[in-house]
Amino acid sequence: MADFFAMGGYAGYVWPAYGAALLVLVGLLIASLRMLRRCETALALLEAERPRRGRRRDANLPPKAADQAGSALQAKPAEEGGTP
């Protein structure tokens, strides 16, 4: 086991390299988690400021087709026998 930790005489170079890599990875993890929290907070503020709009009736249709389908569903004028 001592041979493993001695790394064939290169332990003075190998272990500090592992330590530096570990510090960089932990630093990236901490920075990423902080950024995630910041973005979640900003998103929550934006969503509270501007509530979500309602879903389209014909969500599977492209916008123009949905608008045409919506206008076709409107009531007919009274002179055509529809309800006013």
Protein backbone atom coordinates (compact mmCIF):
# COMPACT_ATOMS: atom_id res chain seq x y z
CA MET A 1 0.00 0.00 0.00
CA ALA A 2 2.89 2.34 0.73
CA ASP A 3 4.12 1.81 -2.84
CA PHE A 4 0.79 3.02 -4.16
CA PHE A 5 0.93 6.24 -2.11
CA ALA A 6 4.59 6.75 -3.04
CA MET A 7 3.57 6.61 -6.73
CA GLY A 8 6.94 5.24 -7.73
CA GLY A 9 8.74 8.26 -6.31
CA TYR A 10 6.47 10.80 -8.03
CA ALA A 11 4.03 11.29 -5.14
CA GLY A 12 5.24 14.87 -4.66
CA TYR A 13 3.90 15.69 -8.14
CA VAL A 14 0.91 13.35 -8.42
CA TRP A 15 -0.92 14.08 -5.16
CA PRO A 16 -0.79 17.87 -5.48
CA ALA A 17 -2.09 17.50 -9.04
CA TYR A 18 -5.00 15.40 -7.75
CA GLY A 19 -5.61 17.99 -5.03
CA ALA A 20 -5.61 20.88 -7.51
CA ALA A 21 -8.00 19.03 -9.82
CA LEU A 22 -10.29 18.28 -6.89
CA LEU A 23 -10.28 21.95 -5.83
CA VAL A 24 -11.16 23.07 -9.36
CA LEU A 25 -14.02 20.55 -9.59
CA VAL A 26 -15.42 21.54 -6.20
CA GLY A 27 -15.15 25.21 -7.18
CA LEU A 28 -17.06 24.55 -10.40
CA LEU A 29 -19.74 22.66 -8.48
CA ILE A 30 -20.19 25.52 -6.01
CA ALA A 31 -20.26 28.14 -8.79
CA SER A 32 -22.81 26.11 -10.76
CA LEU A 33 -25.09 25.67 -7.75
CA ARG A 34 -24.95 29.39 -6.97
CA MET A 35 -25.78 30.26 -10.57
CA LEU A 36 -28.65 27.77 -10.55
CA ARG A 37 -30.13 29.37 -7.43
CA ARG A 38 -29.70 32.85 -8.93
CA CYS A 39 -31.42 31.83 -12.16
CA GLU A 40 -34.27 30.10 -10.31
CA THR A 41 -34.82 33.23 -8.22
CA ALA A 42 -34.82 35.45 -11.31
CA LEU A 43 -37.26 33.10 -13.05
CA ALA A 44 -39.59 33.11 -10.05
CA LEU A 45 -39.55 36.93 -10.01
CA LEU A 46 -40.30 37.10 -13.74
CA GLU A 47 -43.12 34.58 -13.45
CA ALA A 48 -44.64 36.48 -10.52
CA GLU A 49 -44.38 39.76 -12.43
CA ARG A 50 -46.02 38.42 -15.57
CA PRO A 51 -48.40 35.47 -15.11
CA ARG A 52 -48.63 32.77 -17.74
CA ARG A 53 -51.04 33.22 -20.58
CA GLY A 54 -53.81 30.72 -21.22
CA ARG A 55 -53.24 27.85 -23.60
CA ARG A 56 -54.48 28.02 -27.16
CA ARG A 57 -57.66 26.10 -27.89
CA ASP A 58 -56.05 24.29 -30.80
CA ALA A 59 -52.57 23.81 -29.36
CA ASN A 60 -51.59 21.28 -32.04
CA LEU A 61 -52.31 23.62 -34.94
CA PRO A 62 -49.89 26.28 -36.16
CA PRO A 63 -50.85 29.83 -35.04
CA LYS A 64 -52.54 30.87 -38.31
CA ALA A 65 -54.57 27.66 -38.57
CA ALA A 66 -55.60 27.96 -34.93
CA ASP A 67 -56.83 31.53 -35.52
CA GLN A 68 -58.83 30.40 -38.56
CA ALA A 69 -60.30 27.47 -36.62
CA GLY A 70 -61.21 29.82 -33.77
CA SER A 71 -62.99 32.24 -36.10
CA ALA A 72 -64.93 29.34 -37.69
CA LEU A 73 -66.21 28.36 -34.23
CA GLN A 74 -67.68 31.80 -33.53
CA ALA A 75 -71.46 32.18 -33.53
CA LYS A 76 -73.19 33.05 -36.78
CA PRO A 77 -74.85 36.48 -37.05
CA ALA A 78 -78.57 36.66 -36.22
CA GLU A 79 -79.58 37.22 -39.87
CA GLU A 80 -78.09 33.82 -40.81
CA GLY A 81 -80.16 32.01 -38.21
CA GLY A 82 -77.55 31.98 -35.45
CA THR A 83 -77.75 33.37 -31.97
CA PRO A 84 -76.82 37.05 -31.53
